[in-house]
Amino acid sequence: MELNACLVARLIMVLQRRLVTSFVLPAVCFLAGTAGGQPVSAAASAPEIELKISNLLAQMTLAEKLGQLQQLDGTGEGDYRPEHVDLVRQGLLGSTLNVRGVKNTTE
């Protein structure tokens, strides 16, 4: 069965929204205390949060949305692979596995 780009994009948005509202957004708000440069109150309503998520997702291309779902492995030594750098800079890599150390994860 072949999926069209709109259906794939919608599926990604739904999955990301669930992930973001359930885990990522609360963690970021707790740790950073801000979202999008604006202070986040503890009483921020769900519709406000959903609007921010929708606005962020609307700015992303389909390639970026798909890229955020991509997870690649590093080397056995805990280093990232050379091709990872360009993918991250283009917004086409969501996360890596087996990349360890402050130097490797902040470059």
N, C-alpha and C. Protein backbone atom coordinates (compact mmCIF):
# COMPACT_ATOMS: atom_id res chain seq x y z
N MET A 1 0.85 -1.18 0.00
CA MET A 1 0.00 0.00 0.00
C MET A 1 0.89 1.24 0.00
N GLU A 2 0.62 2.15 -0.89
CA GLU A 2 1.41 3.37 -1.01
C GLU A 2 0.71 4.51 -0.27
N LEU A 3 1.47 5.23 0.56
CA LEU A 3 0.92 6.37 1.30
C LEU A 3 1.29 7.66 0.59
N ASN A 4 0.38 8.60 0.55
CA ASN A 4 0.73 9.87 -0.06
C ASN A 4 1.41 10.76 0.98
N ALA A 5 2.06 11.80 0.53
CA ALA A 5 2.85 12.68 1.39
C ALA A 5 2.00 13.36 2.45
N CYS A 6 0.78 13.74 2.11
CA CYS A 6 -0.10 14.41 3.09
C CYS A 6 -0.45 13.47 4.24
N LEU A 7 -0.75 12.23 3.91
CA LEU A 7 -1.09 11.27 4.95
C LEU A 7 0.11 11.00 5.85
N VAL A 8 1.28 10.86 5.26
CA VAL A 8 2.49 10.64 6.04
C VAL A 8 2.76 11.85 6.94
N ALA A 9 2.63 13.04 6.40
CA ALA A 9 2.86 14.26 7.19
C ALA A 9 1.89 14.35 8.35
N ARG A 10 0.63 14.03 8.11
CA ARG A 10 -0.39 14.08 9.19
C ARG A 10 -0.07 13.05 10.27
N LEU A 11 0.31 11.85 9.87
CA LEU A 11 0.67 10.81 10.83
C LEU A 11 1.85 11.25 11.69
N ILE A 12 2.84 11.84 11.04
CA ILE A 12 4.02 12.32 11.78
C ILE A 12 3.62 13.40 12.76
N MET A 13 2.77 14.33 12.33
CA MET A 13 2.35 15.41 13.23
C MET A 13 1.62 14.86 14.45
N VAL A 14 0.75 13.90 14.23
CA VAL A 14 0.01 13.31 15.35
C VAL A 14 0.96 12.61 16.31
N LEU A 15 1.88 11.82 15.77
CA LEU A 15 2.83 11.11 16.63
C LEU A 15 3.74 12.08 17.37
N GLN A 16 4.22 13.10 16.67
CA GLN A 16 5.08 14.08 17.33
C GLN A 16 4.32 14.85 18.39
N ARG A 17 3.10 15.23 18.10
CA ARG A 17 2.30 15.98 19.07
C ARG A 17 2.12 15.16 20.35
N ARG A 18 1.82 13.88 20.18
CA ARG A 18 1.66 13.03 21.37
C ARG A 18 2.96 12.91 22.14
N LEU A 19 4.06 12.74 21.43
CA LEU A 19 5.35 12.65 22.09
C LEU A 19 5.71 13.96 22.77
N VAL A 20 5.52 15.06 22.07
CA VAL A 20 5.88 16.36 22.61
C VAL A 20 5.02 16.72 23.81
N THR A 21 3.72 16.55 23.71
CA THR A 21 2.85 16.94 24.83
C THR A 21 3.00 16.01 26.02
N SER A 22 3.36 14.78 25.78
CA SER A 22 3.47 13.82 26.88
C SER A 22 4.81 13.85 27.60
N PHE A 23 5.89 14.04 26.84
CA PHE A 23 7.22 13.90 27.44
C PHE A 23 8.13 15.10 27.22
N VAL A 24 8.30 15.50 25.98
CA VAL A 24 9.31 16.50 25.65
C VAL A 24 8.95 17.87 26.19
N LEU A 25 7.75 18.36 25.90
CA LEU A 25 7.38 19.71 26.33
C LEU A 25 7.42 19.88 27.84
N PRO A 26 6.85 18.97 28.62
CA PRO A 26 6.97 19.14 30.07
C PRO A 26 8.42 19.15 30.56
N ALA A 27 9.26 18.32 29.96
CA ALA A 27 10.67 18.29 30.37
C ALA A 27 11.37 19.59 30.01
N VAL A 28 11.13 20.08 28.81
CA VAL A 28 11.77 21.33 28.39
C VAL A 28 11.28 22.50 29.25
N CYS A 29 10.00 22.55 29.49
CA CYS A 29 9.46 23.64 30.32
C CYS A 29 10.02 23.57 31.73
N PHE A 30 10.14 22.39 32.26
CA PHE A 30 10.68 22.24 33.60
C PHE A 30 12.14 22.65 33.65
N LEU A 31 12.94 22.19 32.69
CA LEU A 31 14.37 22.47 32.71
C LEU A 31 14.72 23.88 32.27
N ALA A 32 14.06 24.37 31.25
CA ALA A 32 14.44 25.67 30.68
C ALA A 32 13.61 26.83 31.23
N GLY A 33 12.38 26.57 31.56
CA GLY A 33 11.52 27.63 32.07
C GLY A 33 10.98 28.55 30.99
N THR A 34 11.33 28.30 29.73
CA THR A 34 10.82 29.12 28.63
C THR A 34 10.55 28.23 27.44
N ALA A 35 9.71 28.74 26.55
CA ALA A 35 9.45 28.05 25.28
C ALA A 35 9.30 29.11 24.22
N GLY A 36 10.10 29.04 23.20
CA GLY A 36 10.03 30.03 22.13
C GLY A 36 10.38 31.42 22.59
N GLY A 37 11.20 31.53 23.62
CA GLY A 37 11.59 32.84 24.12
C GLY A 37 10.59 33.48 25.04
N GLN A 38 9.43 32.87 25.22
CA GLN A 38 8.39 33.42 26.08
C GLN A 38 8.34 32.63 27.39
N PRO A 39 8.17 33.31 28.52
CA PRO A 39 8.05 32.59 29.78
C PRO A 39 6.85 31.64 29.74
N VAL A 40 7.00 30.50 30.36
CA VAL A 40 5.93 29.52 30.42
C VAL A 40 5.45 29.43 31.85
N SER A 41 4.19 29.69 32.05
CA SER A 41 3.65 29.59 33.40
C SER A 41 3.25 28.16 33.68
N ALA A 42 3.20 27.82 34.95
CA ALA A 42 2.79 26.47 35.34
C ALA A 42 1.35 26.23 34.95
N ALA A 43 0.60 27.30 34.73
CA ALA A 43 -0.82 27.17 34.41
C ALA A 43 -1.09 27.27 32.91
N ALA A 44 -0.05 27.11 32.08
CA ALA A 44 -0.25 27.18 30.64
C ALA A 44 -1.29 26.15 30.23
N SER A 45 -2.29 26.59 29.49
CA SER A 45 -3.39 25.69 29.15
C SER A 45 -3.01 24.77 27.99
N ALA A 46 -3.69 23.66 27.94
CA ALA A 46 -3.45 22.70 26.87
C ALA A 46 -3.68 23.31 25.49
N PRO A 47 -4.72 24.13 25.28
CA PRO A 47 -4.89 24.74 23.96
C PRO A 47 -3.73 25.66 23.57
N GLU A 48 -3.17 26.38 24.54
CA GLU A 48 -2.01 27.24 24.24
C GLU A 48 -0.81 26.39 23.82
N ILE A 49 -0.60 25.31 24.53
CA ILE A 49 0.51 24.41 24.21
C ILE A 49 0.30 23.79 22.84
N GLU A 50 -0.92 23.34 22.56
CA GLU A 50 -1.23 22.75 21.26
C GLU A 50 -1.01 23.75 20.14
N LEU A 51 -1.36 25.02 20.37
CA LEU A 51 -1.16 26.05 19.36
C LEU A 51 0.33 26.25 19.08
N LYS A 52 1.15 26.28 20.13
CA LYS A 52 2.59 26.42 19.95
C LYS A 52 3.16 25.24 19.17
N ILE A 53 2.70 24.05 19.48
CA ILE A 53 3.16 22.85 18.77
C ILE A 53 2.75 22.92 17.31
N SER A 54 1.50 23.29 17.07
CA SER A 54 1.01 23.39 15.69
C SER A 54 1.80 24.41 14.89
N ASN A 55 2.09 25.56 15.51
CA ASN A 55 2.87 26.60 14.83
C ASN A 55 4.27 26.11 14.50
N LEU A 56 4.90 25.41 15.44
CA LEU A 56 6.23 24.88 15.20
C LEU A 56 6.21 23.85 14.07
N LEU A 57 5.26 22.95 14.11
CA LEU A 57 5.18 21.92 13.07
C LEU A 57 4.85 22.52 11.70
N ALA A 58 4.09 23.60 11.69
CA ALA A 58 3.74 24.25 10.42
C ALA A 58 4.97 24.87 9.76
N GLN A 59 5.97 25.22 10.55
CA GLN A 59 7.19 25.81 10.00
C GLN A 59 8.13 24.75 9.43
N MET A 60 7.92 23.49 9.79
CA MET A 60 8.81 22.43 9.36
C MET A 60 8.40 21.88 7.99
N THR A 61 9.39 21.53 7.19
CA THR A 61 9.11 20.87 5.92
C THR A 61 8.82 19.39 6.18
N LEU A 62 8.29 18.71 5.18
CA LEU A 62 8.04 17.28 5.32
C LEU A 62 9.35 16.54 5.56
N ALA A 63 10.41 16.95 4.86
CA ALA A 63 11.72 16.31 5.04
C ALA A 63 12.20 16.47 6.48
N GLU A 64 12.00 17.64 7.07
CA GLU A 64 12.41 17.86 8.46
C GLU A 64 11.59 17.00 9.42
N LYS A 65 10.30 16.90 9.15
CA LYS A 65 9.44 16.07 10.01
C LYS A 65 9.86 14.61 9.95
N LEU A 66 10.10 14.12 8.75
CA LEU A 66 10.57 12.74 8.61
C LEU A 66 11.95 12.57 9.23
N GLY A 67 12.81 13.57 9.05
CA GLY A 67 14.15 13.51 9.62
C GLY A 67 14.14 13.41 11.12
N GLN A 68 13.17 14.06 11.78
CA GLN A 68 13.10 14.00 13.23
C GLN A 68 12.73 12.61 13.73
N LEU A 69 12.19 11.79 12.85
CA LEU A 69 11.88 10.41 13.21
C LEU A 69 13.07 9.48 12.99
N GLN A 70 14.09 9.98 12.30
CA GLN A 70 15.26 9.16 11.99
C GLN A 70 16.21 9.07 13.19
N GLN A 71 16.62 7.87 13.50
CA GLN A 71 17.57 7.62 14.60
C GLN A 71 18.69 6.74 14.04
N LEU A 72 19.91 7.27 14.07
CA LEU A 72 21.06 6.54 13.53
C LEU A 72 22.03 6.17 14.64
N ASP A 73 22.80 5.12 14.39
CA ASP A 73 23.75 4.68 15.40
C ASP A 73 25.12 5.31 15.18
N GLY A 74 25.84 5.49 16.29
CA GLY A 74 27.22 5.98 16.24
C GLY A 74 28.17 4.80 16.07
N THR A 75 29.44 5.06 16.27
CA THR A 75 30.43 3.99 16.16
C THR A 75 30.51 3.21 17.48
N GLY A 76 31.16 2.09 17.46
CA GLY A 76 31.34 1.29 18.66
C GLY A 76 32.17 1.99 19.73
N GLU A 77 32.94 3.00 19.32
CA GLU A 77 33.78 3.74 20.25
C GLU A 77 33.03 4.90 20.90
N GLY A 78 31.76 5.09 20.56
CA GLY A 78 30.97 6.16 21.16
C GLY A 78 31.01 7.47 20.40
N ASP A 79 31.55 7.46 19.19
CA ASP A 79 31.63 8.66 18.37
C ASP A 79 30.47 8.69 17.38
N TYR A 80 30.13 9.90 16.94
CA TYR A 80 29.14 10.01 15.87
C TYR A 80 29.83 9.74 14.54
N ARG A 81 29.05 9.41 13.55
CA ARG A 81 29.60 9.17 12.21
C ARG A 81 29.69 10.51 11.48
N PRO A 82 30.67 10.68 10.59
CA PRO A 82 30.86 11.96 9.91
C PRO A 82 29.61 12.50 9.21
N GLU A 83 28.82 11.61 8.64
CA GLU A 83 27.63 12.06 7.91
C GLU A 83 26.54 12.60 8.85
N HIS A 84 26.61 12.29 10.13
CA HIS A 84 25.61 12.77 11.08
C HIS A 84 25.61 14.29 11.20
N VAL A 85 26.78 14.92 11.11
CA VAL A 85 26.88 16.37 11.30
C VAL A 85 26.01 17.11 10.29
N ASP A 86 26.13 16.77 9.02
CA ASP A 86 25.32 17.45 8.00
C ASP A 86 23.84 17.17 8.17
N LEU A 87 23.50 15.94 8.52
CA LEU A 87 22.09 15.60 8.72
C LEU A 87 21.49 16.42 9.87
N VAL A 88 22.22 16.56 10.96
CA VAL A 88 21.74 17.35 12.10
C VAL A 88 21.55 18.80 11.69
N ARG A 89 22.52 19.36 11.02
CA ARG A 89 22.45 20.77 10.60
C ARG A 89 21.30 21.04 9.64
N GLN A 90 20.91 20.03 8.88
CA GLN A 90 19.78 20.17 7.95
C GLN A 90 18.44 19.85 8.62
N GLY A 91 18.47 19.44 9.88
CA GLY A 91 17.25 19.06 10.58
C GLY A 91 16.72 17.71 10.15
N LEU A 92 17.61 16.85 9.65
CA LEU A 92 17.19 15.56 9.11
C LEU A 92 17.60 14.38 9.98
N LEU A 93 18.02 14.65 11.21
CA LEU A 93 18.37 13.57 12.13
C LEU A 93 17.80 13.90 13.50
N GLY A 94 16.92 13.05 13.98
CA GLY A 94 16.25 13.30 15.25
C GLY A 94 17.09 12.93 16.45
N SER A 95 17.82 11.84 16.36
CA SER A 95 18.64 11.41 17.49
C SER A 95 19.65 10.36 17.04
N THR A 96 20.59 10.09 17.93
CA THR A 96 21.60 9.07 17.66
C THR A 96 21.65 8.08 18.81
N LEU A 97 22.14 6.91 18.50
CA LEU A 97 22.35 5.88 19.51
C LEU A 97 23.85 5.67 19.69
N ASN A 98 24.25 5.34 20.88
CA ASN A 98 25.63 4.97 21.19
C ASN A 98 26.64 6.08 20.96
N VAL A 99 26.20 7.33 20.98
CA VAL A 99 27.13 8.46 20.91
C VAL A 99 27.26 8.97 22.34
N ARG A 100 28.48 8.92 22.86
CA ARG A 100 28.68 9.21 24.28
C ARG A 100 29.68 10.35 24.47
N GLY A 101 29.54 11.02 25.59
CA GLY A 101 30.48 12.06 25.98
C GLY A 101 29.99 13.45 25.61
N VAL A 102 30.33 14.40 26.46
CA VAL A 102 29.90 15.77 26.25
C VAL A 102 30.41 16.31 24.91
N LYS A 103 31.66 16.08 24.60
CA LYS A 103 32.24 16.60 23.36
C LYS A 103 31.46 16.10 22.14
N ASN A 104 31.14 14.84 22.12
CA ASN A 104 30.45 14.26 20.96
C ASN A 104 28.99 14.68 20.86
N THR A 105 28.37 14.95 21.97
CA THR A 105 26.93 15.26 21.91
C THR A 105 26.65 16.75 21.78
N THR A 106 27.65 17.61 21.96
CA THR A 106 27.40 19.05 21.86
C THR A 106 27.99 19.69 20.62
N GLU A 107 28.74 18.96 19.82
CA GLU A 107 29.33 19.55 18.61
C GLU A 107 28.28 19.82 17.56
